[in-house]
Amino acid sequence: MRLLPALLCLVMASPAFPAAPCGGDFAAWLSGLKAEAIAAGHEQAVVERFFAGAAPDARVIKADRSQGVFRKSFLEFSQSLISKDRVQRGAANSARYDAVFARAEREFGVSRGILLAFWAFETDYGAVQGDFNTRNALITLAQDCRRPDLFRPQVLAALRMYALGEFDLDTTGAWAGEIGMVQMLPGDILDKGVDGDGDGLVTLKTSAPDAILSGAKLLASHGWRAGEPWLQEVIMPERFDWGLTGLGTQLAAEQWAAMGVQVRDGVVANGLPASILLPQGRKGPAFLVYPNFSVLFDWNKSFVYVTTAAYFGTRLTGAAPYLAGSPDPALPVEAMKALQEKLAARGHDVGKIDGILGASTRIAVQKEQARLGLPADAWPTAELLERL
């Protein structure tokens, strides 16, 4: 289940191609793309076969414009994705592919917990990989003028895979062109794909070992640090300077401990820089996050998705369910948009006015809370909206 396939999601590394025009007449645009492919060295006959019957897919554009799921709060989002069944199947897959996960940790330094979490969220452990024609999805998004610089190279990467005999024209996947159990773009498969089962092929749709090891190599390429944690749930002291929380402030883990921050299970990772993350403010769950947490944003750009995946990764490696607390109610979508408009009017960069509490909006909220003398925990409330 790719909730936001690569766009707000992680834009994976891919071969470098020059940006190209977008929009306009589809046939004319496609002719230009074919010419670029031939100029890049592809045989004309291969190019013609690859693009034969290609057509834009209106469903892709609709999916791209519909991102309401990311307006959910962390508690809503995590509770919708994490179930007892999904935890149990995670444990079963961990045992079934124990040797593969051990290899991922040995060769790439990536914990099985985080790999299992992404595998679960992306495709429900391979069960739901998407039914969009991959070639047409990529072509649709390449012609669309929102992100042609991302998707045009991916079309050409899929063409390269086709020329190598590694891509069928009826390949299906997520709406944004990702393929397989861990949903990777063609450029990433070419660059980071791993033959995990030794059959000489990288088949992310049908081979769990290939998918697991390819995902591990991808995370390692983005800077995952071997043997280090990514997130720990903590209990915060009653009195605390909430303005120190958030990803913008890093202190050594032991410094947080000296301030009264207590890890629920285990101990802090002494010597590592860490931040205090309060996804729903000081009254909700609290986490200590380490450098590996930031790496996850290279997989998916959504704050709530990454936080949920990071937490689920700890659950799958033995952590207890989080303490939900009793956070103040989340602002409705229209109220959140109104808040973003007010923040923007005060000079804050909140990005798109979309009703989504992303990282930039959280930073702006925290600054305004501090200015108004409110607890600066980056969780927007009705009181903050009223006072702005």
Protein backbone atom coordinates (compact mmCIF):
# COMPACT_ATOMS: atom_id res chain seq x y z
CA MET A 1 0.00 0.00 0.00
CA ARG A 2 1.92 2.98 -1.24
CA LEU A 3 0.14 5.84 0.49
CA LEU A 4 2.04 8.53 -1.31
CA PRO A 5 4.21 6.83 -3.80
CA ALA A 6 7.28 8.84 -4.65
CA LEU A 7 6.43 12.33 -4.81
CA LEU A 8 5.80 13.65 -1.36
CA CYS A 9 7.38 10.39 -0.63
CA LEU A 10 10.86 9.70 -0.91
CA VAL A 11 12.35 10.78 -4.15
CA MET A 12 14.85 8.00 -4.60
CA ALA A 13 18.18 8.56 -6.29
CA SER A 14 18.01 8.10 -10.04
CA PRO A 15 20.20 8.60 -13.11
CA ALA A 16 20.73 12.23 -14.06
CA PHE A 17 18.95 13.43 -17.19
CA PRO A 18 18.37 17.00 -18.29
CA ALA A 19 15.04 18.61 -17.52
CA ALA A 20 12.67 18.72 -20.49
CA PRO A 21 9.47 20.46 -21.59
CA CYS A 22 6.14 19.30 -20.19
CA GLY A 23 2.48 19.71 -21.01
CA GLY A 24 1.00 20.47 -24.41
CA ASP A 25 -0.14 17.98 -27.00
CA PHE A 26 0.63 14.44 -25.82
CA ALA A 27 1.66 13.08 -29.22
CA ALA A 28 4.05 15.96 -29.82
CA TRP A 29 5.46 15.66 -26.32
CA LEU A 30 5.95 11.91 -26.73
CA SER A 31 7.79 12.46 -30.01
CA GLY A 32 10.21 14.72 -28.19
CA LEU A 33 10.76 12.12 -25.51
CA LYS A 34 11.45 9.44 -28.12
CA ALA A 35 13.98 11.71 -29.79
CA GLU A 36 15.71 12.28 -26.45
CA ALA A 37 15.85 8.54 -25.83
CA ILE A 38 17.40 7.89 -29.23
CA ALA A 39 19.88 10.71 -28.73
CA ALA A 40 20.84 9.08 -25.42
CA GLY A 41 21.89 5.95 -27.32
CA HIS A 42 18.81 3.71 -27.35
CA GLU A 43 18.08 1.85 -30.58
CA GLN A 44 15.15 3.34 -32.46
CA ALA A 45 13.43 -0.03 -32.80
CA VAL A 46 13.59 -0.58 -29.03
CA VAL A 47 12.29 2.93 -28.37
CA GLU A 48 9.36 2.42 -30.73
CA ARG A 49 8.42 -0.89 -29.10
CA PHE A 50 8.67 0.56 -25.61
CA PHE A 51 6.43 3.54 -26.37
CA ALA A 52 3.95 1.70 -28.62
CA GLY A 53 0.47 2.15 -27.20
CA ALA A 54 1.64 4.49 -24.43
CA ALA A 55 -1.11 6.77 -23.17
CA PRO A 56 -1.70 9.14 -20.26
CA ASP A 57 -3.71 7.76 -17.35
CA ALA A 58 -6.25 10.13 -15.81
CA ARG A 59 -6.35 7.99 -12.66
CA VAL A 60 -2.72 8.83 -12.00
CA ILE A 61 -3.38 12.56 -12.05
CA LYS A 62 -6.37 12.09 -9.75
CA ALA A 63 -4.27 10.08 -7.29
CA ASP A 64 -1.49 12.65 -7.44
CA ARG A 65 -3.90 15.42 -6.50
CA SER A 66 -5.50 13.46 -3.66
CA GLN A 67 -3.31 13.43 -0.55
CA GLY A 68 -5.93 13.74 2.19
CA VAL A 69 -4.62 10.76 4.13
CA PHE A 70 -1.61 12.81 5.24
CA ARG A 71 -3.88 15.29 6.99
CA LYS A 72 -4.47 12.71 9.72
CA SER A 73 -2.78 13.18 13.06
CA PHE A 74 -0.04 10.80 14.14
CA LEU A 75 -2.39 8.86 16.42
CA GLU A 76 -5.05 8.54 13.71
CA PHE A 77 -2.54 7.64 11.03
CA SER A 78 -0.58 5.13 13.09
CA GLN A 79 -3.70 3.44 14.45
CA SER A 80 -5.07 3.09 10.92
CA LEU A 81 -1.88 1.40 9.68
CA ILE A 82 -0.76 -0.67 12.65
CA SER A 83 -2.90 -3.63 13.65
CA LYS A 84 -2.36 -6.76 15.70
CA ASP A 85 -2.46 -8.78 12.49
CA ARG A 86 0.17 -6.61 10.82
CA VAL A 87 2.44 -6.94 13.87
CA GLN A 88 2.00 -10.72 13.87
CA ARG A 89 2.71 -11.04 10.16
CA GLY A 90 5.75 -8.84 10.63
CA ALA A 91 7.07 -11.27 13.22
CA ALA A 92 6.30 -14.21 10.92
CA ASN A 93 8.12 -12.59 7.99
CA SER A 94 11.04 -11.72 10.23
CA ALA A 95 11.38 -15.38 11.14
CA ARG A 96 10.76 -16.66 7.61
CA TYR A 97 13.41 -14.41 6.09
CA ASP A 98 15.73 -14.33 9.08
CA ALA A 99 18.82 -15.07 7.00
CA VAL A 100 17.94 -12.34 4.51
CA PHE A 101 17.44 -9.74 7.22
CA ALA A 102 20.68 -10.84 8.86
CA ARG A 103 22.41 -10.28 5.52
CA ALA A 104 20.81 -6.82 5.21
CA GLU A 105 22.17 -5.91 8.62
CA ARG A 106 25.58 -7.41 7.90
CA GLU A 107 26.12 -5.93 4.41
CA PHE A 108 24.19 -2.65 4.64
CA GLY A 109 23.82 -2.03 8.36
CA VAL A 110 20.04 -1.61 8.16
CA SER A 111 17.84 -2.99 10.91
CA ARG A 112 15.16 -5.51 10.04
CA GLY A 113 12.64 -3.48 12.00
CA ILE A 114 12.66 -0.52 9.66
CA LEU A 115 12.75 -2.76 6.57
CA LEU A 116 9.74 -4.69 7.84
CA ALA A 117 7.91 -1.45 8.58
CA PHE A 118 8.33 -0.11 5.05
CA TRP A 119 7.49 -3.50 3.56
CA ALA A 120 4.29 -3.52 5.61
CA PHE A 121 3.21 0.02 4.80
CA GLU A 122 4.19 0.06 1.14
CA THR A 123 2.49 -3.16 0.04
CA ASP A 124 1.18 -5.02 3.11
CA TYR A 125 4.17 -7.38 2.89
CA GLY A 126 3.82 -7.69 -0.88
CA ALA A 127 0.09 -8.40 -1.02
CA VAL A 128 -1.01 -5.05 -2.49
CA GLN A 129 1.51 -3.71 -4.99
CA GLY A 130 -0.72 -1.45 -7.09
CA ASP A 131 -2.56 -1.96 -10.38
CA PHE A 132 -1.38 1.06 -12.35
CA ASN A 133 0.49 0.36 -15.57
CA THR A 134 3.97 1.53 -14.61
CA ARG A 135 5.06 2.80 -18.01
CA ASN A 136 1.90 4.85 -18.48
CA ALA A 137 1.99 6.16 -14.91
CA LEU A 138 5.53 7.43 -15.37
CA ILE A 139 4.72 8.94 -18.76
CA THR A 140 1.65 10.66 -17.34
CA LEU A 141 3.61 12.27 -14.53
CA ALA A 142 6.51 13.15 -16.81
CA GLN A 143 4.22 15.10 -19.12
CA ASP A 144 2.39 16.74 -16.23
CA CYS A 145 4.10 19.96 -15.24
CA ARG A 146 4.22 19.41 -11.48
CA ARG A 147 7.41 17.33 -11.41
CA PRO A 148 8.71 16.54 -14.90
CA ASP A 149 12.29 16.80 -13.62
CA LEU A 150 11.59 13.79 -11.39
CA PHE A 151 9.52 11.60 -13.66
CA ARG A 152 11.01 12.13 -17.13
CA PRO A 153 14.29 10.50 -15.99
CA GLN A 154 12.26 7.61 -14.56
CA VAL A 155 10.60 6.98 -17.92
CA LEU A 156 14.03 6.72 -19.49
CA ALA A 157 15.18 4.46 -16.66
CA ALA A 158 12.23 2.15 -17.34
CA LEU A 159 13.21 2.19 -21.02
CA ARG A 160 16.72 1.15 -20.07
CA MET A 161 15.33 -1.72 -17.98
CA TYR A 162 13.16 -2.74 -20.95
CA ALA A 163 16.17 -2.75 -23.24
CA LEU A 164 17.96 -5.01 -20.76
CA GLY A 165 15.02 -7.40 -20.64
CA GLU A 166 14.20 -6.46 -17.04
CA PHE A 167 10.90 -4.61 -17.60
CA ASP A 168 7.68 -5.81 -19.22
CA LEU A 169 5.27 -3.33 -20.77
CA ASP A 170 2.44 -4.74 -18.67
CA THR A 171 4.34 -4.15 -15.41
CA THR A 172 2.04 -2.71 -12.76
CA GLY A 173 2.68 -0.91 -9.49
CA ALA A 174 1.91 2.27 -7.58
CA TRP A 175 0.38 5.34 -9.23
CA ALA A 176 3.71 7.18 -9.16
CA GLY A 177 5.62 4.44 -10.94
CA GLU A 178 7.14 2.51 -8.06
CA ILE A 179 7.47 -1.23 -8.52
CA GLY A 180 7.53 -4.21 -6.21
CA MET A 181 7.20 -5.15 -2.57
CA VAL A 182 9.07 -2.11 -1.27
CA GLN A 183 7.97 0.18 -4.12
CA MET A 184 11.09 1.45 -5.85
CA LEU A 185 11.33 3.64 -8.91
CA PRO A 186 13.03 2.25 -12.05
CA GLY A 187 16.12 4.43 -11.60
CA ASP A 188 16.58 3.13 -8.08
CA ILE A 189 16.11 -0.47 -9.17
CA LEU A 190 18.84 -0.03 -11.77
CA ASP A 191 21.17 1.62 -9.28
CA LYS A 192 20.31 -0.09 -5.99
CA GLY A 193 18.63 -3.35 -6.97
CA VAL A 194 20.11 -6.48 -5.34
CA ASP A 195 19.71 -10.08 -6.47
CA GLY A 196 18.91 -11.48 -3.06
CA ASP A 197 17.84 -14.98 -4.06
CA GLY A 198 20.73 -15.69 -6.42
CA ASP A 199 18.68 -16.29 -9.57
CA GLY A 200 20.58 -13.67 -11.55
CA LEU A 201 17.60 -11.29 -11.64
CA VAL A 202 16.31 -8.41 -9.55
CA THR A 203 12.57 -9.06 -9.31
CA LEU A 204 11.08 -6.84 -6.64
CA LYS A 205 7.52 -7.89 -7.40
CA THR A 206 7.95 -11.58 -6.64
CA SER A 207 11.15 -12.02 -4.62
CA ALA A 208 11.10 -10.98 -0.98
CA PRO A 209 14.89 -11.41 -0.66
CA ASP A 210 15.44 -9.11 -3.64
CA ALA A 211 13.05 -6.54 -2.21
CA ILE A 212 14.47 -6.63 1.32
CA LEU A 213 18.09 -6.28 0.26
CA SER A 214 17.33 -3.65 -2.37
CA GLY A 215 15.50 -1.58 0.23
CA ALA A 216 18.45 -1.98 2.59
CA LYS A 217 20.93 -0.87 -0.06
CA LEU A 218 18.75 2.14 -0.85
CA LEU A 219 18.61 3.26 2.79
CA ALA A 220 22.34 2.71 3.16
CA SER A 221 22.96 4.90 0.12
CA HIS A 222 21.04 7.69 1.82
CA GLY A 223 23.29 7.58 4.86
CA TRP A 224 21.80 5.01 7.23
CA ARG A 225 24.24 4.48 10.07
CA ALA A 226 24.86 0.86 10.98
CA GLY A 227 24.19 -0.26 14.52
CA GLU A 228 22.48 2.96 15.59
CA PRO A 229 18.88 3.43 16.74
CA TRP A 230 16.44 5.66 14.92
CA LEU A 231 13.71 6.29 17.48
CA GLN A 232 12.95 5.54 21.12
CA GLU A 233 9.80 6.36 23.02
CA VAL A 234 10.44 8.58 26.04
CA ILE A 235 8.60 9.95 29.04
CA MET A 236 8.96 13.68 29.40
CA PRO A 237 9.34 15.48 32.74
CA GLU A 238 6.34 17.53 33.88
CA ARG A 239 8.30 20.76 33.66
CA PHE A 240 10.25 21.23 30.47
CA ASP A 241 11.26 23.93 28.04
CA TRP A 242 9.04 22.79 25.16
CA GLY A 243 10.78 25.20 22.84
CA LEU A 244 13.73 22.79 22.82
CA THR A 245 11.63 20.09 21.19
CA GLY A 246 11.44 19.48 17.46
CA LEU A 247 13.85 18.34 14.78
CA GLY A 248 15.56 21.73 14.72
CA THR A 249 17.26 21.17 18.10
CA GLN A 250 19.84 18.45 18.59
CA LEU A 251 21.68 17.64 21.79
CA ALA A 252 23.69 14.63 22.86
CA ALA A 253 21.30 11.93 24.03
CA GLU A 254 22.79 11.99 27.52
CA GLN A 255 22.03 15.72 27.77
CA TRP A 256 18.35 15.01 27.28
CA ALA A 257 18.59 12.34 29.96
CA ALA A 258 20.17 14.86 32.31
CA MET A 259 17.11 17.09 31.77
CA GLY A 260 14.83 14.32 32.98
CA VAL A 261 13.91 12.69 29.69
CA GLN A 262 13.47 8.96 30.35
CA VAL A 263 13.53 6.20 27.77
CA ARG A 264 10.61 3.81 28.34
CA ASP A 265 12.58 0.73 27.34
CA GLY A 266 16.36 0.60 27.53
CA VAL A 267 18.73 3.53 27.76
CA VAL A 268 19.62 6.53 25.63
CA ALA A 269 22.34 6.09 23.01
CA ASN A 270 25.10 8.07 24.69
CA GLY A 271 27.22 10.14 22.35
CA LEU A 272 24.65 10.32 19.55
CA PRO A 273 22.93 13.59 18.63
CA ALA A 274 19.19 13.40 19.18
CA SER A 275 16.03 15.49 19.08
CA ILE A 276 12.79 15.34 21.03
CA LEU A 277 9.84 14.69 18.74
CA LEU A 278 6.30 15.41 19.91
CA PRO A 279 4.08 14.48 16.95
CA GLN A 280 0.96 15.70 18.79
CA GLY A 281 2.44 18.09 21.27
CA ARG A 282 3.43 17.78 24.89
CA LYS A 283 0.24 15.88 25.85
CA GLY A 284 0.74 13.08 23.32
CA PRO A 285 3.41 10.45 22.60
CA ALA A 286 7.04 11.56 22.86
CA PHE A 287 10.08 10.19 21.08
CA LEU A 288 13.82 10.66 21.05
CA VAL A 289 14.99 10.53 17.43
CA TYR A 290 18.51 9.99 16.15
CA PRO A 291 20.29 10.70 12.82
CA ASN A 292 18.85 7.56 11.20
CA PHE A 293 15.37 9.01 11.63
CA SER A 294 16.21 11.83 9.25
CA VAL A 295 17.39 9.32 6.64
CA LEU A 296 13.84 7.99 6.42
CA PHE A 297 12.69 11.23 4.80
CA ASP A 298 14.67 10.13 1.77
CA TRP A 299 12.20 7.26 1.50
CA ASN A 300 9.06 9.30 2.07
CA LYS A 301 8.68 13.03 2.55
CA SER A 302 5.58 12.87 4.75
CA PHE A 303 6.23 13.67 8.41
CA VAL A 304 3.35 11.55 9.70
CA TYR A 305 4.28 8.61 7.45
CA VAL A 306 7.94 8.63 8.46
CA THR A 307 7.16 8.99 12.16
CA THR A 308 4.66 6.13 11.99
CA ALA A 309 7.06 3.88 10.05
CA ALA A 310 9.89 4.65 12.46
CA TYR A 311 7.69 3.84 15.45
CA PHE A 312 6.38 0.65 13.83
CA GLY A 313 9.94 -0.41 13.18
CA THR A 314 10.59 -0.31 16.91
CA ARG A 315 7.40 -2.27 17.60
CA LEU A 316 8.53 -4.98 15.20
CA THR A 317 11.79 -5.30 17.13
CA GLY A 318 10.18 -5.58 20.55
CA ALA A 319 9.15 -2.12 21.74
CA ALA A 320 5.90 -1.70 23.63
CA PRO A 321 2.90 0.17 22.16
CA TYR A 322 3.25 3.91 22.66
CA LEU A 323 1.58 5.85 25.45
CA ALA A 324 -1.06 7.79 23.54
CA GLY A 325 -1.65 10.40 26.23
CA SER A 326 -4.49 12.89 25.76
CA PRO A 327 -3.38 15.52 23.23
CA ASP A 328 -5.48 18.53 22.37
CA PRO A 329 -7.80 17.86 19.41
CA ALA A 330 -6.31 18.25 15.96
CA LEU A 331 -7.53 21.22 13.97
CA PRO A 332 -10.00 20.38 11.20
CA VAL A 333 -8.69 20.75 7.67
CA GLU A 334 -10.22 24.16 7.00
CA ALA A 335 -9.00 25.47 10.36
CA MET A 336 -5.51 24.18 9.59
CA LYS A 337 -5.58 25.94 6.24
CA ALA A 338 -6.68 29.14 7.99
CA LEU A 339 -3.80 28.74 10.42
CA GLN A 340 -1.33 28.26 7.57
CA GLU A 341 -2.66 31.39 5.89
CA LYS A 342 -2.17 33.38 9.09
CA LEU A 343 1.32 32.00 9.55
CA ALA A 344 2.21 32.84 5.96
CA ALA A 345 0.85 36.35 6.45
CA ARG A 346 3.27 36.75 9.36
CA GLY A 347 6.17 35.85 7.07
CA HIS A 348 6.56 32.16 7.82
CA ASP A 349 7.31 29.68 5.04
CA VAL A 350 4.67 26.98 5.46
CA GLY A 351 4.83 25.70 1.89
CA LYS A 352 1.54 24.93 0.20
CA ILE A 353 -1.64 25.90 2.05
CA ASP A 354 -2.97 22.35 2.14
CA GLY A 355 -4.17 21.66 5.67
CA ILE A 356 -1.30 19.23 6.27
CA LEU A 357 0.82 19.69 9.38
CA GLY A 358 4.20 19.18 7.78
CA ALA A 359 7.65 20.06 9.03
CA SER A 360 7.62 23.69 7.86
CA THR A 361 4.22 24.37 9.40
CA ARG A 362 5.36 22.82 12.68
CA ILE A 363 8.38 25.13 12.79
CA ALA A 364 6.19 28.16 12.20
CA VAL A 365 3.69 27.05 14.84
CA GLN A 366 6.45 26.61 17.40
CA LYS A 367 7.85 30.08 16.71
CA GLU A 368 4.44 31.70 17.10
CA GLN A 369 3.71 29.74 20.27
CA ALA A 370 6.95 31.04 21.76
CA ARG A 371 6.16 34.60 20.68
CA LEU A 372 2.71 34.42 22.29
CA GLY A 373 3.94 32.84 25.53
CA LEU A 374 2.24 29.49 24.83
CA PRO A 375 3.91 26.10 25.42
CA ALA A 376 6.05 25.86 22.29
CA ASP A 377 5.46 22.20 21.47
CA ALA A 378 4.68 22.73 17.74
CA TRP A 379 1.15 21.30 18.07
CA PRO A 380 -1.41 23.76 16.67
CA THR A 381 -4.50 24.32 18.76
CA ALA A 382 -7.72 26.29 18.50
CA GLU A 383 -6.27 28.73 21.03
CA LEU A 384 -3.27 29.44 18.83
CA LEU A 385 -5.47 29.98 15.80
CA GLU A 386 -7.66 32.39 17.74
CA ARG A 387 -4.73 34.38 19.11
CA LEU A 388 -3.15 34.75 15.70
